[in-house]
Amino acid sequence: MAGIGSTGFGGHGGMRSADSGTRGGAAARAELTAARPKPKLNKVLPQVWELIKPRRVLLAFSFVLLVINRLAGLILPASTKYLIDNVMGSGQMWMLKY
């Protein structure tokens, strides 16, 4: 088992070659992020608005669908609350229709 990690398959050095790729690790990304300052919101906001402006209708429609989705997710708990509280909790089994 020890031979698999040290020699790798095909003599490529095992997992060490995957770790030392050109993409860099988390430390390199953290260093790059720390080196460059964050832009101010008032400078970025006009660029963001230029991206959003032609898609306002699509974003508004998506927001409406999001709200409908969240409200529809509340229907099942609200409907089972009546069943559990009134029918099963109070012992009113006659309310269940056969």
PDB file of N, CA and C in Angstrom:
ATOM      1  N   MET A   1       0.807  -1.189   0.000  1.00  0.00           N
ATOM      2  CA  MET A   1       0.000   0.000   0.000  1.00  0.00           C
ATOM      3  C   MET A   1       0.855   1.259   0.000  1.00  0.00           C
ATOM      4  N   ALA A   2       1.978   1.225   0.712  1.00  0.00           N
ATOM      5  CA  ALA A   2       2.821   2.413   0.797  1.00  0.00           C
ATOM      6  C   ALA A   2       3.443   2.740  -0.544  1.00  0.00           C
ATOM      7  N   GLY A   3       3.602   1.740  -1.388  1.00  0.00           N
ATOM      8  CA  GLY A   3       4.212   1.973  -2.686  1.00  0.00           C
ATOM      9  C   GLY A   3       3.320   2.753  -3.637  1.00  0.00           C
ATOM     10  N   ILE A   4       2.010   2.705  -3.456  1.00  0.00           N
ATOM     11  CA  ILE A   4       1.096   3.384  -4.378  1.00  0.00           C
ATOM     12  C   ILE A   4       1.238   4.897  -4.256  1.00  0.00           C
ATOM     13  N   GLY A   5       1.271   5.427  -3.035  1.00  0.00           N
ATOM     14  CA  GLY A   5       1.343   6.864  -2.851  1.00  0.00           C
ATOM     15  C   GLY A   5       2.708   7.437  -3.184  1.00  0.00           C
ATOM     16  N   SER A   6       3.757   6.658  -2.934  1.00  0.00           N
ATOM     17  CA  SER A   6       5.091   7.217  -3.141  1.00  0.00           C
ATOM     18  C   SER A   6       5.513   7.162  -4.603  1.00  0.00           C
ATOM     19  N   THR A   7       5.182   6.077  -5.286  1.00  0.00           N
ATOM     20  CA  THR A   7       5.622   5.983  -6.676  1.00  0.00           C
ATOM     21  C   THR A   7       4.549   6.437  -7.640  1.00  0.00           C
ATOM     22  N   GLY A   8       3.295   6.271  -7.264  1.00  0.00           N
ATOM     23  CA  GLY A   8       2.206   6.660  -8.159  1.00  0.00           C
ATOM     24  C   GLY A   8       2.037   5.665  -9.285  1.00  0.00           C
ATOM     25  N   PHE A   9       1.058   5.845 -10.068  1.00  0.00           N
ATOM     26  CA  PHE A   9       0.818   4.990 -11.216  1.00  0.00           C
ATOM     27  C   PHE A   9       1.486   5.610 -12.428  1.00  0.00           C
ATOM     28  N   GLY A  10       2.333   4.870 -13.077  1.00  0.00           N
ATOM     29  CA  GLY A  10       2.999   5.362 -14.267  1.00  0.00           C
ATOM     30  C   GLY A  10       4.178   6.270 -13.974  1.00  0.00           C
ATOM     31  N   GLY A  11       4.625   6.338 -12.725  1.00  0.00           N
ATOM     32  CA  GLY A  11       5.802   7.118 -12.390  1.00  0.00           C
ATOM     33  C   GLY A  11       5.581   8.619 -12.389  1.00  0.00           C
ATOM     34  N   HIS A  12       4.354   9.084 -12.158  1.00  0.00           N
ATOM     35  CA  HIS A  12       4.087  10.520 -12.174  1.00  0.00           C
ATOM     36  C   HIS A  12       4.162  11.151 -10.794  1.00  0.00           C
ATOM     37  N   GLY A  13       4.558  10.397  -9.776  1.00  0.00           N
ATOM     38  CA  GLY A  13       4.737  10.982  -8.454  1.00  0.00           C
ATOM     39  C   GLY A  13       3.494  10.979  -7.595  1.00  0.00           C
ATOM     40  N   GLY A  14       2.461  10.281  -7.947  1.00  0.00           N
ATOM     41  CA  GLY A  14       1.281  10.158  -7.102  1.00  0.00           C
ATOM     42  C   GLY A  14       0.502  11.448  -6.987  1.00  0.00           C
ATOM     43  N   MET A  15      -0.002  11.703  -5.807  1.00  0.00           N
ATOM     44  CA  MET A  15      -0.848  12.864  -5.569  1.00  0.00           C
ATOM     45  C   MET A  15      -0.051  14.163  -5.468  1.00  0.00           C
ATOM     46  N   ARG A  16       1.245  14.056  -5.269  1.00  0.00           N
ATOM     47  CA  ARG A  16       2.034  15.273  -5.142  1.00  0.00           C
ATOM     48  C   ARG A  16       1.979  16.113  -6.407  1.00  0.00           C
ATOM     49  N   SER A  17       1.892  15.496  -7.560  1.00  0.00           N
ATOM     50  CA  SER A  17       1.851  16.263  -8.800  1.00  0.00           C
ATOM     51  C   SER A  17       0.548  17.025  -8.949  1.00  0.00           C
ATOM     52  N   ALA A  18      -0.547  16.496  -8.401  1.00  0.00           N
ATOM     53  CA  ALA A  18      -1.829  17.194  -8.476  1.00  0.00           C
ATOM     54  C   ALA A  18      -1.840  18.407  -7.548  1.00  0.00           C
ATOM     55  N   ASP A  19      -1.148  18.301  -6.409  1.00  0.00           N
ATOM     56  CA  ASP A  19      -1.124  19.405  -5.461  1.00  0.00           C
ATOM     57  C   ASP A  19      -0.249  20.552  -5.937  1.00  0.00           C
ATOM     58  N   SER A  20       0.758  20.258  -6.729  1.00  0.00           N
ATOM     59  CA  SER A  20       1.680  21.307  -7.143  1.00  0.00           C
ATOM     60  C   SER A  20       1.375  21.806  -8.544  1.00  0.00           C
ATOM     61  N   GLY A  21       0.113  21.903  -8.884  1.00  0.00           N
ATOM     62  CA  GLY A  21      -0.290  22.367 -10.207  1.00  0.00           C
ATOM     63  C   GLY A  21      -0.125  23.864 -10.354  1.00  0.00           C
ATOM     64  N   THR A  22      -0.449  24.376 -11.513  1.00  0.00           N
ATOM     65  CA  THR A  22      -0.281  25.800 -11.792  1.00  0.00           C
ATOM     66  C   THR A  22      -1.433  26.638 -11.259  1.00  0.00           C
ATOM     67  N   ARG A  23      -2.480  26.009 -10.773  1.00  0.00           N
ATOM     68  CA  ARG A  23      -3.637  26.761 -10.290  1.00  0.00           C
ATOM     69  C   ARG A  23      -3.370  27.464  -8.970  1.00  0.00           C
ATOM     70  N   GLY A  24      -2.496  26.943  -8.168  1.00  0.00           N
ATOM     71  CA  GLY A  24      -2.209  27.563  -6.877  1.00  0.00           C
ATOM     72  C   GLY A  24      -3.153  27.038  -5.822  1.00  0.00           C
ATOM     73  N   GLY A  25      -2.785  27.223  -4.592  1.00  0.00           N
ATOM     74  CA  GLY A  25      -3.598  26.736  -3.490  1.00  0.00           C
ATOM     75  C   GLY A  25      -4.368  27.844  -2.823  1.00  0.00           C
ATOM     76  N   ALA A  26      -4.906  27.494  -1.664  1.00  0.00           N
ATOM     77  CA  ALA A  26      -5.691  28.468  -0.914  1.00  0.00           C
ATOM     78  C   ALA A  26      -4.812  29.604  -0.403  1.00  0.00           C
ATOM     79  N   ALA A  27      -3.570  29.287  -0.078  1.00  0.00           N
ATOM     80  CA  ALA A  27      -2.671  30.324   0.422  1.00  0.00           C
ATOM     81  C   ALA A  27      -2.374  31.360  -0.657  1.00  0.00           C
ATOM     82  N   ALA A  28      -2.191  30.901  -1.895  1.00  0.00           N
ATOM     83  CA  ALA A  28      -1.919  31.832  -2.989  1.00  0.00           C
ATOM     84  C   ALA A  28      -3.131  32.717  -3.264  1.00  0.00           C
ATOM     85  N   ARG A  29      -4.327  32.139  -3.215  1.00  0.00           N
ATOM     86  CA  ARG A  29      -5.541  32.937  -3.438  1.00  0.00           C
ATOM     87  C   ARG A  29      -5.730  33.949  -2.321  1.00  0.00           C
ATOM     88  N   ALA A  30      -5.452  33.538  -1.075  1.00  0.00           N
ATOM     89  CA  ALA A  30      -5.591  34.459   0.056  1.00  0.00           C
ATOM     90  C   ALA A  30      -4.586  35.600  -0.055  1.00  0.00           C
ATOM     91  N   GLU A  31      -3.398  35.285  -0.534  1.00  0.00           N
ATOM     92  CA  GLU A  31      -2.378  36.323  -0.692  1.00  0.00           C
ATOM     93  C   GLU A  31      -2.774  37.328  -1.762  1.00  0.00           C
ATOM     94  N   LEU A  32      -3.334  36.841  -2.867  1.00  0.00           N
ATOM     95  CA  LEU A  32      -3.779  37.742  -3.927  1.00  0.00           C
ATOM     96  C   LEU A  32      -4.938  38.615  -3.473  1.00  0.00           C
ATOM     97  N   THR A  33      -5.852  38.034  -2.705  1.00  0.00           N
ATOM     98  CA  THR A  33      -7.000  38.784  -2.217  1.00  0.00           C
ATOM     99  C   THR A  33      -6.562  39.857  -1.224  1.00  0.00           C
ATOM    100  N   ALA A  34      -5.610  39.525  -0.376  1.00  0.00           N
ATOM    101  CA  ALA A  34      -5.145  40.491   0.611  1.00  0.00           C
ATOM    102  C   ALA A  34      -4.339  41.609  -0.046  1.00  0.00           C
ATOM    103  N   ALA A  35      -3.656  41.313  -1.153  1.00  0.00           N
ATOM    104  CA  ALA A  35      -2.807  42.306  -1.801  1.00  0.00           C
ATOM    105  C   ALA A  35      -3.622  43.364  -2.530  1.00  0.00           C
ATOM    106  N   ARG A  36      -4.770  43.000  -3.080  1.00  0.00           N
ATOM    107  CA  ARG A  36      -5.551  43.978  -3.834  1.00  0.00           C
ATOM    108  C   ARG A  36      -6.664  44.535  -2.952  1.00  0.00           C
ATOM    109  N   PRO A  37      -6.807  45.840  -2.895  1.00  0.00           N
ATOM    110  CA  PRO A  37      -7.835  46.441  -2.040  1.00  0.00           C
ATOM    111  C   PRO A  37      -9.228  46.256  -2.638  1.00  0.00           C
ATOM    112  N   LYS A  38     -10.208  46.212  -1.767  1.00  0.00           N
ATOM    113  CA  LYS A  38     -11.586  46.079  -2.220  1.00  0.00           C
ATOM    114  C   LYS A  38     -12.051  47.417  -2.786  1.00  0.00           C
ATOM    115  N   PRO A  39     -12.784  47.377  -3.901  1.00  0.00           N
ATOM    116  CA  PRO A  39     -13.270  48.635  -4.478  1.00  0.00           C
ATOM    117  C   PRO A  39     -14.394  49.223  -3.632  1.00  0.00           C
ATOM    118  N   LYS A  40     -14.515  50.528  -3.696  1.00  0.00           N
ATOM    119  CA  LYS A  40     -15.582  51.218  -2.975  1.00  0.00           C
ATOM    120  C   LYS A  40     -16.918  50.960  -3.664  1.00  0.00           C
ATOM    121  N   LEU A  41     -17.973  50.904  -2.876  1.00  0.00           N
ATOM    122  CA  LEU A  41     -19.301  50.602  -3.398  1.00  0.00           C
ATOM    123  C   LEU A  41     -19.783  51.669  -4.374  1.00  0.00           C
ATOM    124  N   ASN A  42     -19.507  52.924  -4.109  1.00  0.00           N
ATOM    125  CA  ASN A  42     -19.988  53.987  -4.995  1.00  0.00           C
ATOM    126  C   ASN A  42     -19.297  53.970  -6.359  1.00  0.00           C
ATOM    127  N   LYS A  43     -18.133  53.334  -6.461  1.00  0.00           N
ATOM    128  CA  LYS A  43     -17.479  53.207  -7.762  1.00  0.00           C
ATOM    129  C   LYS A  43     -17.972  51.991  -8.524  1.00  0.00           C
ATOM    130  N   VAL A  44     -18.369  50.956  -7.815  1.00  0.00           N
ATOM    131  CA  VAL A  44     -18.806  49.707  -8.444  1.00  0.00           C
ATOM    132  C   VAL A  44     -20.287  49.757  -8.812  1.00  0.00           C
ATOM    133  N   LEU A  45     -21.071  50.504  -8.058  1.00  0.00           N
ATOM    134  CA  LEU A  45     -22.524  50.536  -8.249  1.00  0.00           C
ATOM    135  C   LEU A  45     -22.952  50.957  -9.661  1.00  0.00           C
ATOM    136  N   PRO A  46     -22.336  51.949 -10.298  1.00  0.00           N
ATOM    137  CA  PRO A  46     -22.747  52.257 -11.678  1.00  0.00           C
ATOM    138  C   PRO A  46     -22.502  51.100 -12.660  1.00  0.00           C
ATOM    139  N   GLN A  47     -21.431  50.366 -12.467  1.00  0.00           N
ATOM    140  CA  GLN A  47     -21.167  49.212 -13.333  1.00  0.00           C
ATOM    141  C   GLN A  47     -22.181  48.111 -13.095  1.00  0.00           C
ATOM    142  N   VAL A  48     -22.542  47.908 -11.844  1.00  0.00           N
ATOM    143  CA  VAL A  48     -23.552  46.899 -11.525  1.00  0.00           C
ATOM    144  C   VAL A  48     -24.891  47.304 -12.130  1.00  0.00           C
ATOM    145  N   TRP A  49     -25.229  48.585 -12.042  1.00  0.00           N
ATOM    146  CA  TRP A  49     -26.495  49.056 -12.597  1.00  0.00           C
ATOM    147  C   TRP A  49     -26.531  48.886 -14.114  1.00  0.00           C
ATOM    148  N   GLU A  50     -25.380  49.071 -14.783  1.00  0.00           N
ATOM    149  CA  GLU A  50     -25.325  48.847 -16.237  1.00  0.00           C
ATOM    150  C   GLU A  50     -25.601  47.392 -16.585  1.00  0.00           C
ATOM    151  N   LEU A  51     -25.200  46.479 -15.741  1.00  0.00           N
ATOM    152  CA  LEU A  51     -25.468  45.063 -15.984  1.00  0.00           C
ATOM    153  C   LEU A  51     -26.918  44.701 -15.683  1.00  0.00           C
ATOM    154  N   ILE A  52     -27.494  45.340 -14.664  1.00  0.00           N
ATOM    155  CA  ILE A  52     -28.857  45.007 -14.240  1.00  0.00           C
ATOM    156  C   ILE A  52     -29.899  45.668 -15.123  1.00  0.00           C
ATOM    157  N   LYS A  53     -29.645  46.877 -15.577  1.00  0.00           N
ATOM    158  CA  LYS A  53     -30.641  47.684 -16.285  1.00  0.00           C
ATOM    159  C   LYS A  53     -31.307  46.968 -17.451  1.00  0.00           C
ATOM    160  N   PRO A  54     -30.575  46.321 -18.369  1.00  0.00           N
ATOM    161  CA  PRO A  54     -31.276  45.650 -19.473  1.00  0.00           C
ATOM    162  C   PRO A  54     -32.015  44.373 -19.052  1.00  0.00           C
ATOM    163  N   ARG A  55     -31.772  43.912 -17.845  1.00  0.00           N
ATOM    164  CA  ARG A  55     -32.395  42.669 -17.386  1.00  0.00           C
ATOM    165  C   ARG A  55     -33.396  42.899 -16.255  1.00  0.00           C
ATOM    166  N   ARG A  56     -33.893  44.131 -16.121  1.00  0.00           N
ATOM    167  CA  ARG A  56     -34.796  44.461 -15.014  1.00  0.00           C
ATOM    168  C   ARG A  56     -36.058  43.621 -15.022  1.00  0.00           C
ATOM    169  N   VAL A  57     -36.652  43.439 -16.196  1.00  0.00           N
ATOM    170  CA  VAL A  57     -37.912  42.689 -16.281  1.00  0.00           C
ATOM    171  C   VAL A  57     -37.682  41.234 -15.894  1.00  0.00           C
ATOM    172  N   LEU A  58     -36.610  40.647 -16.395  1.00  0.00           N
ATOM    173  CA  LEU A  58     -36.299  39.261 -16.068  1.00  0.00           C
ATOM    174  C   LEU A  58     -36.017  39.094 -14.579  1.00  0.00           C
ATOM    175  N   LEU A  59     -35.293  40.021 -13.989  1.00  0.00           N
ATOM    176  CA  LEU A  59     -35.014  39.946 -12.565  1.00  0.00           C
ATOM    177  C   LEU A  59     -36.280  40.143 -11.735  1.00  0.00           C
ATOM    178  N   ALA A  60     -37.161  41.034 -12.150  1.00  0.00           N
ATOM    179  CA  ALA A  60     -38.418  41.241 -11.431  1.00  0.00           C
ATOM    180  C   ALA A  60     -39.297  39.992 -11.509  1.00  0.00           C
ATOM    181  N   PHE A  61     -39.365  39.388 -12.694  1.00  0.00           N
ATOM    182  CA  PHE A  61     -40.140  38.161 -12.860  1.00  0.00           C
ATOM    183  C   PHE A  61     -39.555  37.037 -12.011  1.00  0.00           C
ATOM    184  N   SER A  62     -38.245  36.950 -11.953  1.00  0.00           N
ATOM    185  CA  SER A  62     -37.588  35.930 -11.137  1.00  0.00           C
ATOM    186  C   SER A  62     -37.869  36.148  -9.659  1.00  0.00           C
ATOM    187  N   PHE A  63     -37.902  37.411  -9.237  1.00  0.00           N
ATOM    188  CA  PHE A  63     -38.204  37.713  -7.850  1.00  0.00           C
ATOM    189  C   PHE A  63     -39.634  37.322  -7.502  1.00  0.00           C
ATOM    190  N   VAL A  64     -40.577  37.570  -8.417  1.00  0.00           N
ATOM    191  CA  VAL A  64     -41.969  37.178  -8.184  1.00  0.00           C
ATOM    192  C   VAL A  64     -42.076  35.656  -8.073  1.00  0.00           C
ATOM    193  N   LEU A  65     -41.384  34.940  -8.947  1.00  0.00           N
ATOM    194  CA  LEU A  65     -41.390  33.478  -8.864  1.00  0.00           C
ATOM    195  C   LEU A  65     -40.777  32.991  -7.559  1.00  0.00           C
ATOM    196  N   LEU A  66     -39.756  33.678  -7.076  1.00  0.00           N
ATOM    197  CA  LEU A  66     -39.131  33.314  -5.815  1.00  0.00           C
ATOM    198  C   LEU A  66     -40.115  33.477  -4.666  1.00  0.00           C
ATOM    199  N   VAL A  67     -40.863  34.562  -4.667  1.00  0.00           N
ATOM    200  CA  VAL A  67     -41.849  34.794  -3.610  1.00  0.00           C
ATOM    201  C   VAL A  67     -42.950  33.739  -3.664  1.00  0.00           C
ATOM    202  N   ILE A  68     -43.418  33.404  -4.866  1.00  0.00           N
ATOM    203  CA  ILE A  68     -44.440  32.366  -5.012  1.00  0.00           C
ATOM    204  C   ILE A  68     -43.919  31.033  -4.504  1.00  0.00           C
ATOM    205  N   ASN A  69     -42.671  30.725  -4.801  1.00  0.00           N
ATOM    206  CA  ASN A  69     -42.072  29.478  -4.346  1.00  0.00           C
ATOM    207  C   ASN A  69     -42.036  29.413  -2.825  1.00  0.00           C
ATOM    208  N   ARG A  70     -41.646  30.509  -2.187  1.00  0.00           N
ATOM    209  CA  ARG A  70     -41.572  30.524  -0.726  1.00  0.00           C
ATOM    210  C   ARG A  70     -42.960  30.407  -0.099  1.00  0.00           C
ATOM    211  N   LEU A  71     -43.945  31.070  -0.680  1.00  0.00           N
ATOM    212  CA  LEU A  71     -45.303  30.979  -0.144  1.00  0.00           C
ATOM    213  C   LEU A  71     -45.887  29.587  -0.355  1.00  0.00           C
ATOM    214  N   ALA A  72     -45.587  28.964  -1.493  1.00  0.00           N
ATOM    215  CA  ALA A  72     -46.078  27.613  -1.748  1.00  0.00           C
ATOM    216  C   ALA A  72     -45.438  26.618  -0.785  1.00  0.00           C
ATOM    217  N   GLY A  73     -44.239  26.899  -0.332  1.00  0.00           N
ATOM    218  CA  GLY A  73     -43.599  26.018   0.630  1.00  0.00           C
ATOM    219  C   GLY A  73     -44.252  26.047   1.995  1.00  0.00           C
ATOM    220  N   LEU A  74     -45.062  27.065   2.274  1.00  0.00           N
ATOM    221  CA  LEU A  74     -45.757  27.151   3.554  1.00  0.00           C
ATOM    222  C   LEU A  74     -47.114  26.465   3.543  1.00  0.00           C
ATOM    223  N   ILE A  75     -47.597  26.043   2.386  1.00  0.00           N
ATOM    224  CA  ILE A  75     -48.928  25.447   2.294  1.00  0.00           C
ATOM    225  C   ILE A  75     -48.995  24.101   2.997  1.00  0.00           C
ATOM    226  N   LEU A  76     -48.024  23.233   2.775  1.00  0.00           N
ATOM    227  CA  LEU A  76     -48.057  21.906   3.382  1.00  0.00           C
ATOM    228  C   LEU A  76     -48.000  21.966   4.905  1.00  0.00           C
ATOM    229  N   PRO A  77     -47.103  22.729   5.510  1.00  0.00           N
ATOM    230  CA  PRO A  77     -47.131  22.790   6.976  1.00  0.00           C
ATOM    231  C   PRO A  77     -48.427  23.389   7.523  1.00  0.00           C
ATOM    232  N   ALA A  78     -48.991  24.373   6.832  1.00  0.00           N
ATOM    233  CA  ALA A  78     -50.230  24.980   7.314  1.00  0.00           C
ATOM    234  C   ALA A  78     -51.400  24.004   7.218  1.00  0.00           C
ATOM    235  N   SER A  79     -51.440  23.205   6.160  1.00  0.00           N
ATOM    236  CA  SER A  79     -52.545  22.258   6.017  1.00  0.00           C
ATOM    237  C   SER A  79     -52.430  21.097   6.995  1.00  0.00           C
ATOM    238  N   THR A  80     -51.240  20.637   7.281  1.00  0.00           N
ATOM    239  CA  THR A  80     -51.099  19.531   8.231  1.00  0.00           C
ATOM    240  C   THR A  80     -51.264  20.004   9.670  1.00  0.00           C
ATOM    241  N   LYS A  81     -51.081  21.302   9.932  1.00  0.00           N
ATOM    242  CA  LYS A  81     -51.296  21.823  11.285  1.00  0.00           C
ATOM    243  C   LYS A  81     -52.739  21.609  11.718  1.00  0.00           C
ATOM    244  N   TYR A  82     -53.684  21.869  10.834  1.00  0.00           N
ATOM    245  CA  TYR A  82     -55.098  21.655  11.151  1.00  0.00           C
ATOM    246  C   TYR A  82     -55.356  20.185  11.462  1.00  0.00           C
ATOM    247  N   LEU A  83     -54.788  19.294  10.643  1.00  0.00           N
ATOM    248  CA  LEU A  83     -55.002  17.859  10.845  1.00  0.00           C
ATOM    249  C   LEU A  83     -54.431  17.405  12.183  1.00  0.00           C
ATOM    250  N   ILE A  84     -53.225  17.801  12.487  1.00  0.00           N
ATOM    251  CA  ILE A  84     -52.577  17.321  13.705  1.00  0.00           C
ATOM    252  C   ILE A  84     -53.186  17.963  14.946  1.00  0.00           C
ATOM    253  N   ASP A  85     -53.420  19.270  14.923  1.00  0.00           N
ATOM    254  CA  ASP A  85     -53.934  19.949  16.114  1.00  0.00           C
ATOM    255  C   ASP A  85     -55.393  19.606  16.390  1.00  0.00           C
ATOM    256  N   ASN A  86     -56.254  19.730  15.403  1.00  0.00           N
ATOM    257  CA  ASN A  86     -57.693  19.575  15.637  1.00  0.00           C
ATOM    258  C   ASN A  86     -58.143  18.121  15.613  1.00  0.00           C
ATOM    259  N   VAL A  87     -57.668  17.359  14.660  1.00  0.00           N
ATOM    260  CA  VAL A  87     -58.185  16.006  14.510  1.00  0.00           C
ATOM    261  C   VAL A  87     -57.467  15.040  15.439  1.00  0.00           C
ATOM    262  N   MET A  88     -56.176  14.970  15.364  1.00  0.00           N
ATOM    263  CA  MET A  88     -55.449  13.980  16.157  1.00  0.00           C
ATOM    264  C   MET A  88     -55.218  14.446  17.591  1.00  0.00           C
ATOM    265  N   GLY A  89     -54.868  15.714  17.784  1.00  0.00           N
ATOM    266  CA  GLY A  89     -54.579  16.213  19.125  1.00  0.00           C
ATOM    267  C   GLY A  89     -55.795  16.258  20.021  1.00  0.00           C
ATOM    268  N   SER A  90     -56.944  16.632  19.484  1.00  0.00           N
ATOM    269  CA  SER A  90     -58.172  16.736  20.278  1.00  0.00           C
ATOM    270  C   SER A  90     -58.972  15.451  20.278  1.00  0.00           C
ATOM    271  N   GLY A  91     -58.548  14.470  19.522  1.00  0.00           N
ATOM    272  CA  GLY A  91     -59.248  13.194  19.481  1.00  0.00           C
ATOM    273  C   GLY A  91     -60.528  13.245  18.674  1.00  0.00           C
ATOM    274  N   GLN A  92     -60.647  14.162  17.733  1.00  0.00           N
ATOM    275  CA  GLN A  92     -61.855  14.285  16.913  1.00  0.00           C
ATOM    276  C   GLN A  92     -61.695  13.459  15.643  1.00  0.00           C
ATOM    277  N   MET A  93     -61.594  12.162  15.810  1.00  0.00           N
ATOM    278  CA  MET A  93     -61.378  11.282  14.659  1.00  0.00           C
ATOM    279  C   MET A  93     -62.603  11.241  13.732  1.00  0.00           C
ATOM    280  N   TRP A  94     -63.769  11.642  14.235  1.00  0.00           N
ATOM    281  CA  TRP A  94     -64.961  11.656  13.400  1.00  0.00           C
ATOM    282  C   TRP A  94     -64.846  12.660  12.253  1.00  0.00           C
ATOM    283  N   MET A  95     -63.913  13.621  12.391  1.00  0.00           N
ATOM    284  CA  MET A  95     -63.747  14.605  11.333  1.00  0.00           C
ATOM    285  C   MET A  95     -63.061  14.016  10.097  1.00  0.00           C
ATOM    286  N   LEU A  96     -62.397  12.880  10.271  1.00  0.00           N
ATOM    287  CA  LEU A  96     -61.785  12.212   9.131  1.00  0.00           C
ATOM    288  C   LEU A  96     -62.862  11.486   8.344  1.00  0.00           C
ATOM    289  N   LYS A  97     -62.921  11.692   7.085  1.00  0.00           N
ATOM    290  CA  LYS A  97     -63.910  11.035   6.242  1.00  0.00           C
ATOM    291  C   LYS A  97     -63.311   9.729   5.753  1.00  0.00           C
ATOM    292  N   TYR A  98     -64.084   8.681   5.795  1.00  0.00           N
ATOM    293  CA  TYR A  98     -63.591   7.369   5.356  1.00  0.00           C
ATOM    294  C   TYR A  98     -63.658   7.253   3.900  1.00  0.00           C
TER     295      TYR A  98
END
